[in-house]
Amino acid sequence: MHRYIDFHQLEVGESLPALRKGPITKTQLVRYAGASGDFNPLHTDDSTAQKAGMKGVIAQGPLIMGFVGQAITQWVPKRQLKRFKVRFMGMTFPGDMITVRATVTEKKYEGNTLKIVCDTVAQDQNGEVKLSGQFEAFVTK
């Protein structure tokens, strides 16, 4: 059985355990393209990406969003997740290591339910933010 975060014990400002992913590989980008149907050559072909002014292929933003979703569902059961939003902030390249973090920003009881709001961020090994976001969950007592 999976152990989720006990949000009843956390206070506003506390951090959740980080999720680390990577390094990102070109094979992973090609596989994600096939799974998602996003065959934009910027994600699979270095020469196309270089012609567009990048150093090479870039990861699909929704792949990084998926990493954040994976972290969230390790912290809270999916059935309790009520909202998840993100903003894409930077490009992710093969070789990047991604770390997903979250901080509790709101915690309040509404009857028998605890409403939790957390800010999330996905950063590479250099601290560059690739995605920022927020999720809201309702945890029962």
Protein backbone atom coordinates (compact mmCIF):
# COMPACT_ATOMS: atom_id res chain seq x y z
CA MET A 1 0.00 0.00 0.00
CA HIS A 2 1.27 3.47 -0.94
CA ARG A 3 1.88 5.97 1.85
CA TYR A 4 0.69 9.44 0.96
CA ILE A 5 1.63 12.68 2.71
CA ASP A 6 -0.22 13.30 5.99
CA PHE A 7 -1.33 16.84 5.24
CA HIS A 8 -2.94 17.09 8.68
CA GLN A 9 0.60 17.19 10.11
CA LEU A 10 2.00 19.75 7.66
CA GLU A 11 1.94 23.51 8.11
CA VAL A 12 1.79 26.28 5.53
CA GLY A 13 5.30 26.87 4.19
CA GLU A 14 6.45 23.27 4.56
CA SER A 15 7.87 21.39 1.58
CA LEU A 16 6.85 18.00 0.23
CA PRO A 17 9.43 15.34 -0.66
CA ALA A 18 11.06 16.09 -4.03
CA LEU A 19 10.69 13.82 -7.06
CA ARG A 20 13.79 13.52 -9.25
CA LYS A 21 13.59 12.45 -12.89
CA GLY A 22 16.15 11.98 -15.58
CA PRO A 23 18.38 12.36 -17.25
CA ILE A 24 15.99 13.07 -20.11
CA THR A 25 16.88 10.99 -23.18
CA LYS A 26 16.18 11.41 -26.89
CA THR A 27 14.58 7.97 -26.86
CA GLN A 28 12.21 9.17 -24.14
CA LEU A 29 11.21 12.14 -26.32
CA VAL A 30 10.52 9.90 -29.32
CA ARG A 31 8.49 7.50 -27.18
CA TYR A 32 6.51 10.39 -25.71
CA ALA A 33 5.88 11.73 -29.22
CA GLY A 34 4.40 8.37 -30.18
CA ALA A 35 2.27 8.15 -27.03
CA SER A 36 0.99 11.72 -27.25
CA GLY A 37 0.76 12.12 -31.02
CA ASP A 38 3.01 15.22 -30.83
CA PHE A 39 5.37 14.57 -33.73
CA ASN A 40 6.72 18.12 -33.98
CA PRO A 41 10.31 17.57 -35.22
CA LEU A 42 11.59 20.08 -32.61
CA HIS A 43 11.23 17.17 -30.18
CA THR A 44 12.79 14.43 -32.30
CA ASP A 45 15.16 15.87 -34.91
CA ASP A 46 18.28 17.81 -33.89
CA SER A 47 18.82 19.44 -37.29
CA THR A 48 15.26 20.84 -37.33
CA ALA A 49 15.69 22.17 -33.79
CA GLN A 50 19.06 23.72 -34.69
CA LYS A 51 17.57 25.41 -37.74
CA ALA A 52 15.01 26.93 -35.36
CA GLY A 53 17.88 28.39 -33.29
CA MET A 54 18.06 25.81 -30.50
CA LYS A 55 21.06 23.72 -29.52
CA GLY A 56 19.09 20.54 -30.28
CA VAL A 57 15.81 18.82 -29.61
CA ILE A 58 13.67 19.91 -26.67
CA ALA A 59 11.36 17.90 -24.44
CA GLN A 60 7.62 18.27 -24.86
CA GLY A 61 6.19 20.55 -22.19
CA PRO A 62 3.43 18.07 -21.31
CA LEU A 63 6.12 15.47 -20.55
CA ILE A 64 7.47 17.73 -17.81
CA MET A 65 3.90 18.40 -16.70
CA GLY A 66 3.48 14.63 -16.46
CA PHE A 67 6.44 14.49 -14.07
CA VAL A 68 4.69 17.04 -11.86
CA GLY A 69 1.49 15.00 -12.04
CA GLN A 70 3.44 11.90 -11.03
CA ALA A 71 4.82 13.74 -7.99
CA ILE A 72 1.39 15.03 -7.00
CA THR A 73 -0.13 11.54 -7.13
CA GLN A 74 2.67 10.30 -4.89
CA TRP A 75 1.75 12.98 -2.36
CA VAL A 76 -2.06 12.73 -2.51
CA PRO A 77 -4.50 10.11 -3.87
CA LYS A 78 -5.79 10.95 -7.37
CA ARG A 79 -9.40 10.89 -6.18
CA GLN A 80 -8.61 13.76 -3.79
CA LEU A 81 -6.92 15.95 -6.40
CA LYS A 82 -9.36 18.69 -7.42
CA ARG A 83 -7.29 21.10 -9.50
CA PHE A 84 -3.87 21.11 -11.17
CA LYS A 85 -2.59 23.99 -13.28
CA VAL A 86 0.81 24.82 -14.72
CA ARG A 87 2.71 27.50 -16.59
CA PHE A 88 5.56 26.47 -18.88
CA MET A 89 8.65 28.54 -18.18
CA GLY A 90 11.67 27.09 -20.00
CA MET A 91 12.93 24.48 -22.42
CA THR A 92 14.14 21.07 -21.27
CA PHE A 93 16.90 19.29 -23.19
CA PRO A 94 18.17 15.72 -23.34
CA GLY A 95 20.55 15.18 -20.44
CA ASP A 96 18.62 17.47 -18.10
CA MET A 97 17.72 16.15 -14.67
CA ILE A 98 14.33 17.41 -13.46
CA THR A 99 13.40 17.88 -9.81
CA VAL A 100 9.78 18.48 -8.87
CA ARG A 101 9.12 20.26 -5.58
CA ALA A 102 6.01 21.57 -3.83
CA THR A 103 5.28 23.84 -0.89
CA VAL A 104 2.06 24.05 1.11
CA THR A 105 0.58 27.53 0.57
CA GLU A 106 -2.90 27.10 2.04
CA LYS A 107 -4.46 24.74 4.51
CA LYS A 108 -8.00 25.06 5.89
CA TYR A 109 -10.79 22.85 7.11
CA GLU A 110 -14.15 22.93 5.40
CA GLY A 111 -16.34 20.68 7.57
CA ASN A 112 -14.74 17.23 7.67
CA THR A 113 -12.52 17.99 4.71
CA LEU A 114 -9.07 19.57 4.70
CA LYS A 115 -8.42 21.80 1.70
CA ILE A 116 -4.75 21.87 0.72
CA VAL A 117 -3.19 24.18 -1.87
CA CYS A 118 0.43 23.69 -2.90
CA ASP A 119 2.68 25.56 -5.30
CA THR A 120 4.81 23.32 -7.50
CA VAL A 121 7.95 23.84 -9.53
CA ALA A 122 9.99 21.67 -11.90
CA GLN A 123 13.65 22.69 -12.19
CA ASP A 124 16.68 21.32 -13.97
CA GLN A 125 20.05 20.48 -12.43
CA ASN A 126 21.09 24.14 -12.69
CA GLY A 127 18.01 25.43 -10.88
CA GLU A 128 16.38 26.74 -14.07
CA VAL A 129 12.60 26.64 -13.72
CA LYS A 130 10.95 24.64 -16.50
CA LEU A 131 7.42 24.76 -15.15
CA SER A 132 5.60 26.32 -12.22
CA GLY A 133 2.14 25.44 -11.05
CA GLN A 134 -0.32 24.77 -8.31
CA PHE A 135 -2.56 21.98 -7.17
CA GLU A 136 -5.53 21.78 -4.84
CA ALA A 137 -6.67 18.69 -2.98
CA PHE A 138 -9.44 17.89 -0.51
CA VAL A 139 -8.30 15.42 2.13
CA THR A 140 -10.85 13.78 4.42
CA LYS A 141 -10.19 13.33 8.13
